[in-house]
């Protein structure tokens, strides 16, 4: 189960990175970017759920807190992406680009904490 959790977490990194940086490079939010955001969210939720089952109550509280915050931000990000894509103005798309990079950067915090934890 640990291997599966690690695979899902790493797939989340790949998909979310493709979505965020693809959107940044394209200069506009496209349907495929929203698809990658959602795929990253699903993979991260799956991997996090598996990791939580393995850790039980013995997990690192900082990792758990930052991980939960990252999942919530990813969900908000995906919902906002959908709203911007279907009803947003050009100005809202520009603001969304900045938000995407911020969420991605914050998502890396629990990811990197998990990497460091796995090395100790």
PDB file of N, CA and C in Angstrom:
ATOM      1  N   UNK A   1       0.839  -1.195   0.000  1.00  0.00           N
ATOM      2  CA  UNK A   1       0.000   0.000   0.000  1.00  0.00           C
ATOM      3  C   UNK A   1       0.884   1.259   0.000  1.00  0.00           C
ATOM      4  N   UNK A   2       2.045   1.198   0.649  1.00  0.00           N
ATOM      5  CA  UNK A   2       2.943   2.347   0.661  1.00  0.00           C
ATOM      6  C   UNK A   2       3.403   2.695  -0.757  1.00  0.00           C
ATOM      7  N   UNK A   3       3.770   1.683  -1.510  1.00  0.00           N
ATOM      8  CA  UNK A   3       4.229   1.929  -2.886  1.00  0.00           C
ATOM      9  C   UNK A   3       3.130   2.585  -3.710  1.00  0.00           C
ATOM     10  N   UNK A   4       1.909   2.125  -3.545  1.00  0.00           N
ATOM     11  CA  UNK A   4       0.780   2.705  -4.275  1.00  0.00           C
ATOM     12  C   UNK A   4       0.562   4.163  -3.868  1.00  0.00           C
ATOM     13  N   UNK A   5       0.661   4.439  -2.580  1.00  0.00           N
ATOM     14  CA  UNK A   5       0.504   5.816  -2.097  1.00  0.00           C
ATOM     15  C   UNK A   5       1.575   6.726  -2.690  1.00  0.00           C
ATOM     16  N   UNK A   6       2.811   6.259  -2.711  1.00  0.00           N
ATOM     17  CA  UNK A   6       3.915   7.045  -3.259  1.00  0.00           C
ATOM     18  C   UNK A   6       3.696   7.288  -4.756  1.00  0.00           C
ATOM     19  N   UNK A   7       3.234   6.279  -5.463  1.00  0.00           N
ATOM     20  CA  UNK A   7       2.958   6.434  -6.895  1.00  0.00           C
ATOM     21  C   UNK A   7       1.896   7.508  -7.116  1.00  0.00           C
ATOM     22  N   UNK A   8       0.815   7.456  -6.352  1.00  0.00           N
ATOM     23  CA  UNK A   8      -0.259   8.451  -6.524  1.00  0.00           C
ATOM     24  C   UNK A   8       0.205   9.862  -6.180  1.00  0.00           C
ATOM     25  N   UNK A   9       0.994  10.004  -5.115  1.00  0.00           N
ATOM     26  CA  UNK A   9       1.490  11.328  -4.731  1.00  0.00           C
ATOM     27  C   UNK A   9       2.394  11.883  -5.826  1.00  0.00           C
ATOM     28  N   UNK A  10       3.238  11.033  -6.380  1.00  0.00           N
ATOM     29  CA  UNK A  10       4.136  11.493  -7.445  1.00  0.00           C
ATOM     30  C   UNK A  10       3.383  11.783  -8.739  1.00  0.00           C
ATOM     31  N   UNK A  11       2.340  11.010  -9.027  1.00  0.00           N
ATOM     32  CA  UNK A  11       1.494  11.325 -10.183  1.00  0.00           C
ATOM     33  C   UNK A  11       0.804  12.670  -9.984  1.00  0.00           C
ATOM     34  N   UNK A  12       0.405  12.954  -8.744  1.00  0.00           N
ATOM     35  CA  UNK A  12      -0.202  14.257  -8.451  1.00  0.00           C
ATOM     36  C   UNK A  12       0.782  15.376  -8.772  1.00  0.00           C
ATOM     37  N   UNK A  13       2.036  15.192  -8.386  1.00  0.00           N
ATOM     38  CA  UNK A  13       3.053  16.196  -8.697  1.00  0.00           C
ATOM     39  C   UNK A  13       3.181  16.390 -10.209  1.00  0.00           C
ATOM     40  N   UNK A  14       3.254  15.301 -10.931  1.00  0.00           N
ATOM     41  CA  UNK A  14       3.407  15.379 -12.394  1.00  0.00           C
ATOM     42  C   UNK A  14       2.205  16.070 -13.034  1.00  0.00           C
ATOM     43  N   UNK A  15       1.000  15.606 -12.718  1.00  0.00           N
ATOM     44  CA  UNK A  15      -0.197  16.163 -13.354  1.00  0.00           C
ATOM     45  C   UNK A  15      -0.420  17.624 -12.966  1.00  0.00           C
ATOM     46  N   UNK A  16      -0.240  17.930 -11.685  1.00  0.00           N
ATOM     47  CA  UNK A  16      -0.478  19.301 -11.229  1.00  0.00           C
ATOM     48  C   UNK A  16       0.543  20.258 -11.836  1.00  0.00           C
ATOM     49  N   UNK A  17       1.787  19.799 -11.927  1.00  0.00           N
ATOM     50  CA  UNK A  17       2.839  20.609 -12.528  1.00  0.00           C
ATOM     51  C   UNK A  17       2.553  20.850 -14.012  1.00  0.00           C
ATOM     52  N   UNK A  18       2.136  19.826 -14.716  1.00  0.00           N
ATOM     53  CA  UNK A  18       1.782  19.983 -16.134  1.00  0.00           C
ATOM     54  C   UNK A  18       0.657  21.007 -16.282  1.00  0.00           C
ATOM     55  N   UNK A  19      -0.358  20.909 -15.437  1.00  0.00           N
ATOM     56  CA  UNK A  19      -1.484  21.844 -15.517  1.00  0.00           C
ATOM     57  C   UNK A  19      -1.076  23.279 -15.235  1.00  0.00           C
ATOM     58  N   UNK A  20      -0.359  23.491 -14.133  1.00  0.00           N
ATOM     59  CA  UNK A  20       0.000  24.855 -13.724  1.00  0.00           C
ATOM     60  C   UNK A  20       0.983  25.488 -14.700  1.00  0.00           C
ATOM     61  N   UNK A  21       2.044  24.768 -15.020  1.00  0.00           N
ATOM     62  CA  UNK A  21       3.059  25.359 -15.899  1.00  0.00           C
ATOM     63  C   UNK A  21       2.602  25.379 -17.355  1.00  0.00           C
ATOM     64  N   UNK A  22       1.747  24.451 -17.737  1.00  0.00           N
ATOM     65  CA  UNK A  22       1.168  24.490 -19.079  1.00  0.00           C
ATOM     66  C   UNK A  22       0.291  25.713 -19.252  1.00  0.00           C
ATOM     67  N   UNK A  23      -0.487  26.001 -18.228  1.00  0.00           N
ATOM     68  CA  UNK A  23      -1.331  27.197 -18.255  1.00  0.00           C
ATOM     69  C   UNK A  23      -0.460  28.452 -18.305  1.00  0.00           C
ATOM     70  N   UNK A  24       0.593  28.472 -17.518  1.00  0.00           N
ATOM     71  CA  UNK A  24       1.493  29.624 -17.486  1.00  0.00           C
ATOM     72  C   UNK A  24       2.125  29.841 -18.869  1.00  0.00           C
ATOM     73  N   UNK A  25       2.608  28.759 -19.472  1.00  0.00           N
ATOM     74  CA  UNK A  25       3.262  28.873 -20.786  1.00  0.00           C
ATOM     75  C   UNK A  25       2.276  29.263 -21.889  1.00  0.00           C
ATOM     76  N   UNK A  26       1.064  28.743 -21.795  1.00  0.00           N
ATOM     77  CA  UNK A  26       0.050  29.053 -22.817  1.00  0.00           C
ATOM     78  C   UNK A  26      -0.452  30.490 -22.692  1.00  0.00           C
ATOM     79  N   UNK A  27      -0.397  31.035 -21.485  1.00  0.00           N
ATOM     80  CA  UNK A  27      -0.884  32.392 -21.274  1.00  0.00           C
ATOM     81  C   UNK A  27      -2.383  32.489 -21.143  1.00  0.00           C
ATOM     82  N   UNK A  28      -3.049  31.352 -21.206  1.00  0.00           N
ATOM     83  CA  UNK A  28      -4.507  31.329 -21.069  1.00  0.00           C
ATOM     84  C   UNK A  28      -4.929  29.976 -20.514  1.00  0.00           C
ATOM     85  N   UNK A  29      -5.949  30.003 -19.713  1.00  0.00           N
ATOM     86  CA  UNK A  29      -6.482  28.777 -19.137  1.00  0.00           C
ATOM     87  C   UNK A  29      -7.260  28.011 -20.203  1.00  0.00           C
ATOM     88  N   UNK A  30      -6.896  26.754 -20.402  1.00  0.00           N
ATOM     89  CA  UNK A  30      -7.559  25.906 -21.390  1.00  0.00           C
ATOM     90  C   UNK A  30      -8.184  24.704 -20.687  1.00  0.00           C
ATOM     91  N   UNK A  31      -9.074  24.021 -21.393  1.00  0.00           N
ATOM     92  CA  UNK A  31      -9.740  22.850 -20.819  1.00  0.00           C
ATOM     93  C   UNK A  31      -8.733  21.801 -20.359  1.00  0.00           C
ATOM     94  N   UNK A  32      -7.675  21.608 -21.111  1.00  0.00           N
ATOM     95  CA  UNK A  32      -6.692  20.585 -20.738  1.00  0.00           C
ATOM     96  C   UNK A  32      -6.004  20.931 -19.423  1.00  0.00           C
ATOM     97  N   UNK A  33      -5.833  22.221 -19.132  1.00  0.00           N
ATOM     98  CA  UNK A  33      -5.216  22.606 -17.860  1.00  0.00           C
ATOM     99  C   UNK A  33      -6.134  22.247 -16.703  1.00  0.00           C
ATOM    100  N   UNK A  34      -7.417  22.525 -16.859  1.00  0.00           N
ATOM    101  CA  UNK A  34      -8.394  22.158 -15.836  1.00  0.00           C
ATOM    102  C   UNK A  34      -8.403  20.647 -15.637  1.00  0.00           C
ATOM    103  N   UNK A  35      -8.311  19.890 -16.712  1.00  0.00           N
ATOM    104  CA  UNK A  35      -8.253  18.428 -16.630  1.00  0.00           C
ATOM    105  C   UNK A  35      -7.050  17.990 -15.791  1.00  0.00           C
ATOM    106  N   UNK A  36      -5.877  18.590 -16.024  1.00  0.00           N
ATOM    107  CA  UNK A  36      -4.684  18.222 -15.264  1.00  0.00           C
ATOM    108  C   UNK A  36      -4.797  18.649 -13.800  1.00  0.00           C
ATOM    109  N   UNK A  37      -5.424  19.799 -13.529  1.00  0.00           N
ATOM    110  CA  UNK A  37      -5.656  20.210 -12.137  1.00  0.00           C
ATOM    111  C   UNK A  37      -6.493  19.153 -11.415  1.00  0.00           C
ATOM    112  N   UNK A  38      -7.577  18.738 -12.074  1.00  0.00           N
ATOM    113  CA  UNK A  38      -8.472  17.751 -11.461  1.00  0.00           C
ATOM    114  C   UNK A  38      -7.793  16.391 -11.301  1.00  0.00           C
ATOM    115  N   UNK A  39      -7.032  15.988 -12.295  1.00  0.00           N
ATOM    116  CA  UNK A  39      -6.306  14.724 -12.208  1.00  0.00           C
ATOM    117  C   UNK A  39      -5.287  14.770 -11.068  1.00  0.00           C
ATOM    118  N   UNK A  40      -4.594  15.888 -10.926  1.00  0.00           N
ATOM    119  CA  UNK A  40      -3.655  16.058  -9.815  1.00  0.00           C
ATOM    120  C   UNK A  40      -4.364  16.000  -8.479  1.00  0.00           C
ATOM    121  N   UNK A  41      -5.523  16.632  -8.383  1.00  0.00           N
ATOM    122  CA  UNK A  41      -6.307  16.616  -7.146  1.00  0.00           C
ATOM    123  C   UNK A  41      -6.754  15.200  -6.797  1.00  0.00           C
ATOM    124  N   UNK A  42      -7.239  14.454  -7.776  1.00  0.00           N
ATOM    125  CA  UNK A  42      -7.687  13.075  -7.538  1.00  0.00           C
ATOM    126  C   UNK A  42      -6.508  12.206  -7.083  1.00  0.00           C
ATOM    127  N   UNK A  43      -5.385  12.337  -7.765  1.00  0.00           N
ATOM    128  CA  UNK A  43      -4.209  11.536  -7.390  1.00  0.00           C
ATOM    129  C   UNK A  43      -3.698  11.918  -6.002  1.00  0.00           C
ATOM    130  N   UNK A  44      -3.674  13.213  -5.700  1.00  0.00           N
ATOM    131  CA  UNK A  44      -3.200  13.646  -4.386  1.00  0.00           C
ATOM    132  C   UNK A  44      -4.144  13.180  -3.281  1.00  0.00           C
ATOM    133  N   UNK A  45      -5.427  13.271  -3.522  1.00  0.00           N
ATOM    134  CA  UNK A  45      -6.405  12.812  -2.526  1.00  0.00           C
ATOM    135  C   UNK A  45      -6.260  11.315  -2.298  1.00  0.00           C
ATOM    136  N   UNK A  46      -6.099  10.555  -3.362  1.00  0.00           N
ATOM    137  CA  UNK A  46      -5.932   9.105  -3.249  1.00  0.00           C
ATOM    138  C   UNK A  46      -4.653   8.767  -2.497  1.00  0.00           C
ATOM    139  N   UNK A  47      -3.544   9.377  -2.906  1.00  0.00           N
ATOM    140  CA  UNK A  47      -2.265   9.108  -2.243  1.00  0.00           C
ATOM    141  C   UNK A  47      -2.274   9.525  -0.784  1.00  0.00           C
ATOM    142  N   UNK A  48      -2.856  10.679  -0.495  1.00  0.00           N
ATOM    143  CA  UNK A  48      -2.936  11.166   0.879  1.00  0.00           C
ATOM    144  C   UNK A  48      -3.804  10.246   1.733  1.00  0.00           C
ATOM    145  N   UNK A  49      -4.908   9.774   1.173  1.00  0.00           N
ATOM    146  CA  UNK A  49      -5.780   8.855   1.919  1.00  0.00           C
ATOM    147  C   UNK A  49      -5.049   7.562   2.253  1.00  0.00           C
ATOM    148  N   UNK A  50      -4.320   7.034   1.285  1.00  0.00           N
ATOM    149  CA  UNK A  50      -3.551   5.808   1.531  1.00  0.00           C
ATOM    150  C   UNK A  50      -2.472   6.042   2.589  1.00  0.00           C
ATOM    151  N   UNK A  51      -1.781   7.167   2.492  1.00  0.00           N
ATOM    152  CA  UNK A  51      -0.743   7.498   3.481  1.00  0.00           C
ATOM    153  C   UNK A  51      -1.356   7.657   4.874  1.00  0.00           C
ATOM    154  N   UNK A  52      -2.516   8.258   4.956  1.00  0.00           N
ATOM    155  CA  UNK A  52      -3.178   8.443   6.251  1.00  0.00           C
ATOM    156  C   UNK A  52      -3.541   7.102   6.878  1.00  0.00           C
ATOM    157  N   UNK A  53      -3.987   6.177   6.055  1.00  0.00           N
ATOM    158  CA  UNK A  53      -4.294   4.840   6.568  1.00  0.00           C
ATOM    159  C   UNK A  53      -3.042   4.167   7.124  1.00  0.00           C
ATOM    160  N   UNK A  54      -1.934   4.355   6.451  1.00  0.00           N
ATOM    161  CA  UNK A  54      -0.682   3.756   6.903  1.00  0.00           C
ATOM    162  C   UNK A  54      -0.156   4.419   8.173  1.00  0.00           C
ATOM    163  N   UNK A  55      -0.263   5.740   8.256  1.00  0.00           N
ATOM    164  CA  UNK A  55       0.303   6.473   9.389  1.00  0.00           C
ATOM    165  C   UNK A  55      -0.563   6.368  10.636  1.00  0.00           C
ATOM    166  N   UNK A  56      -1.866   6.250  10.447  1.00  0.00           N
ATOM    167  CA  UNK A  56      -2.762   6.239  11.609  1.00  0.00           C
ATOM    168  C   UNK A  56      -2.625   7.541  12.376  1.00  0.00           C
ATOM    169  N   UNK A  57      -2.512   7.441  13.700  1.00  0.00           N
ATOM    170  CA  UNK A  57      -2.334   8.628  14.539  1.00  0.00           C
ATOM    171  C   UNK A  57      -0.866   8.977  14.738  1.00  0.00           C
ATOM    172  N   UNK A  58       0.035   8.175  14.160  1.00  0.00           N
ATOM    173  CA  UNK A  58       1.463   8.386  14.377  1.00  0.00           C
ATOM    174  C   UNK A  58       2.132   9.263  13.349  1.00  0.00           C
ATOM    175  N   UNK A  59       1.350   9.980  12.556  1.00  0.00           N
ATOM    176  CA  UNK A  59       1.918  10.829  11.511  1.00  0.00           C
ATOM    177  C   UNK A  59       2.482  12.131  12.055  1.00  0.00           C
ATOM    178  N   UNK A  60       3.208  12.831  11.225  1.00  0.00           N
ATOM    179  CA  UNK A  60       3.787  14.117  11.564  1.00  0.00           C
ATOM    180  C   UNK A  60       2.695  15.181  11.485  1.00  0.00           C
ATOM    181  N   UNK A  61       2.435  15.895  12.599  1.00  0.00           N
ATOM    182  CA  UNK A  61       1.342  16.885  12.590  1.00  0.00           C
ATOM    183  C   UNK A  61       1.553  18.023  11.579  1.00  0.00           C
ATOM    184  N   UNK A  62       2.793  18.471  11.409  1.00  0.00           N
ATOM    185  CA  UNK A  62       3.064  19.536  10.434  1.00  0.00           C
ATOM    186  C   UNK A  62       2.760  19.054   9.018  1.00  0.00           C
ATOM    187  N   UNK A  63       3.154  17.838   8.723  1.00  0.00           N
ATOM    188  CA  UNK A  63       2.891  17.261   7.410  1.00  0.00           C
ATOM    189  C   UNK A  63       1.389  17.098   7.186  1.00  0.00           C
ATOM    190  N   UNK A  64       0.694  16.629   8.213  1.00  0.00           N
ATOM    191  CA  UNK A  64      -0.762  16.446   8.108  1.00  0.00           C
ATOM    192  C   UNK A  64      -1.468  17.784   7.893  1.00  0.00           C
ATOM    193  N   UNK A  65      -1.068  18.802   8.623  1.00  0.00           N
ATOM    194  CA  UNK A  65      -1.711  20.115   8.522  1.00  0.00           C
ATOM    195  C   UNK A  65      -1.435  20.771   7.165  1.00  0.00           C
ATOM    196  N   UNK A  66      -0.177  20.752   6.742  1.00  0.00           N
ATOM    197  CA  UNK A  66       0.146  21.363   5.450  1.00  0.00           C
ATOM    198  C   UNK A  66      -0.463  20.558   4.298  1.00  0.00           C
ATOM    199  N   UNK A  67      -0.534  19.239   4.459  1.00  0.00           N
ATOM    200  CA  UNK A  67      -1.150  18.395   3.434  1.00  0.00           C
ATOM    201  C   UNK A  67      -2.634  18.676   3.279  1.00  0.00           C
ATOM    202  N   UNK A  68      -3.329  18.825   4.410  1.00  0.00           N
ATOM    203  CA  UNK A  68      -4.753  19.151   4.364  1.00  0.00           C
ATOM    204  C   UNK A  68      -4.970  20.526   3.738  1.00  0.00           C
ATOM    205  N   UNK A  69      -4.145  21.490   4.129  1.00  0.00           N
ATOM    206  CA  UNK A  69      -4.250  22.831   3.546  1.00  0.00           C
ATOM    207  C   UNK A  69      -4.014  22.788   2.030  1.00  0.00           C
ATOM    208  N   UNK A  70      -3.052  21.988   1.612  1.00  0.00           N
ATOM    209  CA  UNK A  70      -2.761  21.873   0.178  1.00  0.00           C
ATOM    210  C   UNK A  70      -3.928  21.249  -0.582  1.00  0.00           C
ATOM    211  N   UNK A  71      -4.535  20.218  -0.015  1.00  0.00           N
ATOM    212  CA  UNK A  71      -5.696  19.597  -0.669  1.00  0.00           C
ATOM    213  C   UNK A  71      -6.852  20.587  -0.797  1.00  0.00           C
ATOM    214  N   UNK A  72      -7.092  21.349   0.252  1.00  0.00           N
ATOM    215  CA  UNK A  72      -8.168  22.349   0.207  1.00  0.00           C
ATOM    216  C   UNK A  72      -7.858  23.409  -0.849  1.00  0.00           C
ATOM    217  N   UNK A  73      -6.602  23.868  -0.888  1.00  0.00           N
ATOM    218  CA  UNK A  73      -6.218  24.855  -1.903  1.00  0.00           C
ATOM    219  C   UNK A  73      -6.345  24.289  -3.312  1.00  0.00           C
ATOM    220  N   UNK A  74      -5.988  23.029  -3.496  1.00  0.00           N
ATOM    221  CA  UNK A  74      -6.126  22.404  -4.817  1.00  0.00           C
ATOM    222  C   UNK A  74      -7.597  22.352  -5.236  1.00  0.00           C
ATOM    223  N   UNK A  75      -8.468  22.043  -4.292  1.00  0.00           N
ATOM    224  CA  UNK A  75      -9.898  21.997  -4.589  1.00  0.00           C
ATOM    225  C   UNK A  75     -10.413  23.395  -4.950  1.00  0.00           C
ATOM    226  N   UNK A  76     -10.045  24.400  -4.160  1.00  0.00           N
ATOM    227  CA  UNK A  76     -10.442  25.778  -4.451  1.00  0.00           C
ATOM    228  C   UNK A  76      -9.899  26.191  -5.815  1.00  0.00           C
ATOM    229  N   UNK A  77      -8.661  25.820  -6.089  1.00  0.00           N
ATOM    230  CA  UNK A  77      -8.017  26.139  -7.364  1.00  0.00           C
ATOM    231  C   UNK A  77      -8.787  25.541  -8.534  1.00  0.00           C
ATOM    232  N   UNK A  78      -9.167  24.284  -8.419  1.00  0.00           N
ATOM    233  CA  UNK A  78      -9.891  23.607  -9.503  1.00  0.00           C
ATOM    234  C   UNK A  78     -11.277  24.227  -9.716  1.00  0.00           C
ATOM    235  N   UNK A  79     -11.962  24.539  -8.636  1.00  0.00           N
ATOM    236  CA  UNK A  79     -13.288  25.158  -8.750  1.00  0.00           C
ATOM    237  C   UNK A  79     -13.162  26.543  -9.379  1.00  0.00           C
ATOM    238  N   UNK A  80     -12.182  27.310  -8.922  1.00  0.00           N
ATOM    239  CA  UNK A  80     -11.988  28.640  -9.487  1.00  0.00           C
ATOM    240  C   UNK A  80     -11.597  28.543 -10.963  1.00  0.00           C
ATOM    241  N   UNK A  81     -10.775  27.554 -11.310  1.00  0.00           N
ATOM    242  CA  UNK A  81     -10.396  27.364 -12.722  1.00  0.00           C
ATOM    243  C   UNK A  81     -11.642  27.129 -13.576  1.00  0.00           C
ATOM    244  N   UNK A  82     -12.540  26.289 -13.079  1.00  0.00           N
ATOM    245  CA  UNK A  82     -13.771  26.007 -13.829  1.00  0.00           C
ATOM    246  C   UNK A  82     -14.605  27.277 -14.000  1.00  0.00           C
ATOM    247  N   UNK A  83     -14.723  28.063 -12.938  1.00  0.00           N
ATOM    248  CA  UNK A  83     -15.502  29.303 -13.016  1.00  0.00           C
ATOM    249  C   UNK A  83     -14.860  30.309 -13.970  1.00  0.00           C
ATOM    250  N   UNK A  84     -13.548  30.446 -13.876  1.00  0.00           N
ATOM    251  CA  UNK A  84     -12.836  31.378 -14.756  1.00  0.00           C
ATOM    252  C   UNK A  84     -12.940  30.930 -16.206  1.00  0.00           C
ATOM    253  N   UNK A  85     -12.815  29.633 -16.420  1.00  0.00           N
ATOM    254  CA  UNK A  85     -12.846  29.102 -17.790  1.00  0.00           C
ATOM    255  C   UNK A  85     -14.200  29.362 -18.445  1.00  0.00           C
ATOM    256  N   UNK A  86     -15.264  29.153 -17.709  1.00  0.00           N
ATOM    257  CA  UNK A  86     -16.586  29.246 -18.326  1.00  0.00           C
ATOM    258  C   UNK A  86     -17.257  30.603 -18.195  1.00  0.00           C
ATOM    259  N   UNK A  87     -16.869  31.384 -17.201  1.00  0.00           N
ATOM    260  CA  UNK A  87     -17.569  32.651 -17.013  1.00  0.00           C
ATOM    261  C   UNK A  87     -16.637  33.833 -16.769  1.00  0.00           C
ATOM    262  N   UNK A  88     -15.333  33.602 -16.757  1.00  0.00           N
ATOM    263  CA  UNK A  88     -14.398  34.639 -16.347  1.00  0.00           C
ATOM    264  C   UNK A  88     -14.019  35.617 -17.443  1.00  0.00           C
ATOM    265  N   UNK A  89     -13.596  36.771 -16.994  1.00  0.00           N
ATOM    266  CA  UNK A  89     -13.122  37.819 -17.894  1.00  0.00           C
ATOM    267  C   UNK A  89     -11.617  37.657 -18.115  1.00  0.00           C
ATOM    268  N   UNK A  90     -11.076  38.477 -18.980  1.00  0.00           N
ATOM    269  CA  UNK A  90      -9.622  38.462 -19.220  1.00  0.00           C
ATOM    270  C   UNK A  90      -8.882  38.847 -17.945  1.00  0.00           C
ATOM    271  N   UNK A  91      -9.411  39.774 -17.191  1.00  0.00           N
ATOM    272  CA  UNK A  91      -8.774  40.193 -15.936  1.00  0.00           C
ATOM    273  C   UNK A  91      -8.769  39.052 -14.916  1.00  0.00           C
ATOM    274  N   UNK A  92      -9.863  38.313 -14.851  1.00  0.00           N
ATOM    275  CA  UNK A  92      -9.904  37.197 -13.904  1.00  0.00           C
ATOM    276  C   UNK A  92      -8.938  36.096 -14.310  1.00  0.00           C
ATOM    277  N   UNK A  93      -8.718  35.925 -15.598  1.00  0.00           N
ATOM    278  CA  UNK A  93      -7.726  34.939 -16.055  1.00  0.00           C
ATOM    279  C   UNK A  93      -6.322  35.350 -15.645  1.00  0.00           C
ATOM    280  N   UNK A  94      -6.004  36.638 -15.731  1.00  0.00           N
ATOM    281  CA  UNK A  94      -4.668  37.108 -15.316  1.00  0.00           C
ATOM    282  C   UNK A  94      -4.453  36.880 -13.825  1.00  0.00           C
ATOM    283  N   UNK A  95      -5.464  37.176 -13.020  1.00  0.00           N
ATOM    284  CA  UNK A  95      -5.360  36.935 -11.575  1.00  0.00           C
ATOM    285  C   UNK A  95      -5.228  35.446 -11.297  1.00  0.00           C
ATOM    286  N   UNK A  96      -5.930  34.652 -12.078  1.00  0.00           N
ATOM    287  CA  UNK A  96      -5.892  33.207 -11.872  1.00  0.00           C
ATOM    288  C   UNK A  96      -4.486  32.661 -12.106  1.00  0.00           C
ATOM    289  N   UNK A  97      -3.764  33.184 -13.085  1.00  0.00           N
ATOM    290  CA  UNK A  97      -2.394  32.716 -13.356  1.00  0.00           C
ATOM    291  C   UNK A  97      -1.519  32.858 -12.114  1.00  0.00           C
ATOM    292  N   UNK A  98      -1.609  33.997 -11.458  1.00  0.00           N
ATOM    293  CA  UNK A  98      -0.815  34.224 -10.244  1.00  0.00           C
ATOM    294  C   UNK A  98      -1.235  33.274  -9.140  1.00  0.00           C
ATOM    295  N   UNK A  99      -2.533  33.055  -8.998  1.00  0.00           N
ATOM    296  CA  UNK A  99      -3.039  32.149  -7.971  1.00  0.00           C
ATOM    297  C   UNK A  99      -2.557  30.723  -8.232  1.00  0.00           C
ATOM    298  N   UNK A 100      -2.529  30.309  -9.484  1.00  0.00           N
ATOM    299  CA  UNK A 100      -2.076  28.963  -9.841  1.00  0.00           C
ATOM    300  C   UNK A 100      -0.660  28.705  -9.356  1.00  0.00           C
ATOM    301  N   UNK A 101       0.226  29.636  -9.631  1.00  0.00           N
ATOM    302  CA  UNK A 101       1.622  29.464  -9.215  1.00  0.00           C
ATOM    303  C   UNK A 101       1.758  29.449  -7.698  1.00  0.00           C
ATOM    304  N   UNK A 102       0.977  30.263  -7.021  1.00  0.00           N
ATOM    305  CA  UNK A 102       1.002  30.296  -5.560  1.00  0.00           C
ATOM    306  C   UNK A 102       0.543  28.967  -4.985  1.00  0.00           C
ATOM    307  N   UNK A 103      -0.573  28.447  -5.483  1.00  0.00           N
ATOM    308  CA  UNK A 103      -1.094  27.175  -4.988  1.00  0.00           C
ATOM    309  C   UNK A 103      -0.099  26.052  -5.261  1.00  0.00           C
ATOM    310  N   UNK A 104       0.480  26.038  -6.447  1.00  0.00           N
ATOM    311  CA  UNK A 104       1.464  25.010  -6.793  1.00  0.00           C
ATOM    312  C   UNK A 104       2.654  25.079  -5.836  1.00  0.00           C
ATOM    313  N   UNK A 105       3.153  26.282  -5.578  1.00  0.00           N
ATOM    314  CA  UNK A 105       4.280  26.450  -4.654  1.00  0.00           C
ATOM    315  C   UNK A 105       3.935  25.996  -3.251  1.00  0.00           C
ATOM    316  N   UNK A 106       2.736  26.336  -2.784  1.00  0.00           N
ATOM    317  CA  UNK A 106       2.312  25.901  -1.456  1.00  0.00           C
ATOM    318  C   UNK A 106       2.097  24.387  -1.409  1.00  0.00           C
ATOM    319  N   UNK A 107       1.644  23.799  -2.520  1.00  0.00           N
ATOM    320  CA  UNK A 107       1.459  22.350  -2.588  1.00  0.00           C
ATOM    321  C   UNK A 107       2.797  21.625  -2.418  1.00  0.00           C
ATOM    322  N   UNK A 108       3.859  22.240  -2.898  1.00  0.00           N
ATOM    323  CA  UNK A 108       5.182  21.614  -2.789  1.00  0.00           C
ATOM    324  C   UNK A 108       5.660  21.481  -1.343  1.00  0.00           C
ATOM    325  N   UNK A 109       5.168  22.317  -0.437  1.00  0.00           N
ATOM    326  CA  UNK A 109       5.613  22.265   0.959  1.00  0.00           C
ATOM    327  C   UNK A 109       5.331  20.891   1.582  1.00  0.00           C
ATOM    328  N   UNK A 110       4.078  20.412   1.598  1.00  0.00           N
ATOM    329  CA  UNK A 110       3.863  19.086   2.191  1.00  0.00           C
ATOM    330  C   UNK A 110       4.508  17.974   1.367  1.00  0.00           C
ATOM    331  N   UNK A 111       4.594  18.163   0.059  1.00  0.00           N
ATOM    332  CA  UNK A 111       5.262  17.160  -0.773  1.00  0.00           C
ATOM    333  C   UNK A 111       6.717  17.012  -0.333  1.00  0.00           C
ATOM    334  N   UNK A 112       7.412  18.146  -0.191  1.00  0.00           N
ATOM    335  CA  UNK A 112       8.821  18.099   0.202  1.00  0.00           C
ATOM    336  C   UNK A 112       9.003  17.640   1.644  1.00  0.00           C
ATOM    337  N   UNK A 113       8.077  17.991   2.524  1.00  0.00           N
ATOM    338  CA  UNK A 113       8.132  17.475   3.900  1.00  0.00           C
ATOM    339  C   UNK A 113       8.048  15.956   3.864  1.00  0.00           C
ATOM    340  N   UNK A 114       7.146  15.415   3.037  1.00  0.00           N
ATOM    341  CA  UNK A 114       7.016  13.965   2.912  1.00  0.00           C
ATOM    342  C   UNK A 114       8.276  13.319   2.361  1.00  0.00           C
ATOM    343  N   UNK A 115       8.911  13.974   1.402  1.00  0.00           N
ATOM    344  CA  UNK A 115      10.163  13.446   0.843  1.00  0.00           C
ATOM    345  C   UNK A 115      11.227  13.394   1.926  1.00  0.00           C
ATOM    346  N   UNK A 116      11.358  14.485   2.677  1.00  0.00           N
ATOM    347  CA  UNK A 116      12.359  14.533   3.751  1.00  0.00           C
ATOM    348  C   UNK A 116      12.048  13.477   4.812  1.00  0.00           C
ATOM    349  N   UNK A 117      10.783  13.335   5.160  1.00  0.00           N
ATOM    350  CA  UNK A 117      10.389  12.326   6.155  1.00  0.00           C
ATOM    351  C   UNK A 117      10.738  10.925   5.695  1.00  0.00           C
ATOM    352  N   UNK A 118      10.604  10.672   4.404  1.00  0.00           N
ATOM    353  CA  UNK A 118      10.880   9.323   3.889  1.00  0.00           C
ATOM    354  C   UNK A 118      12.375   9.012   3.898  1.00  0.00           C
ATOM    355  N   UNK A 119      13.205  10.038   3.957  1.00  0.00           N
ATOM    356  CA  UNK A 119      14.655   9.827   3.967  1.00  0.00           C
ATOM    357  C   UNK A 119      15.200   9.615   5.370  1.00  0.00           C
ATOM    358  N   UNK A 120      14.397   9.924   6.398  1.00  0.00           N
ATOM    359  CA  UNK A 120      14.895   9.777   7.764  1.00  0.00           C
ATOM    360  C   UNK A 120      14.414   8.501   8.402  1.00  0.00           C
TER     361      UNK A 120
END
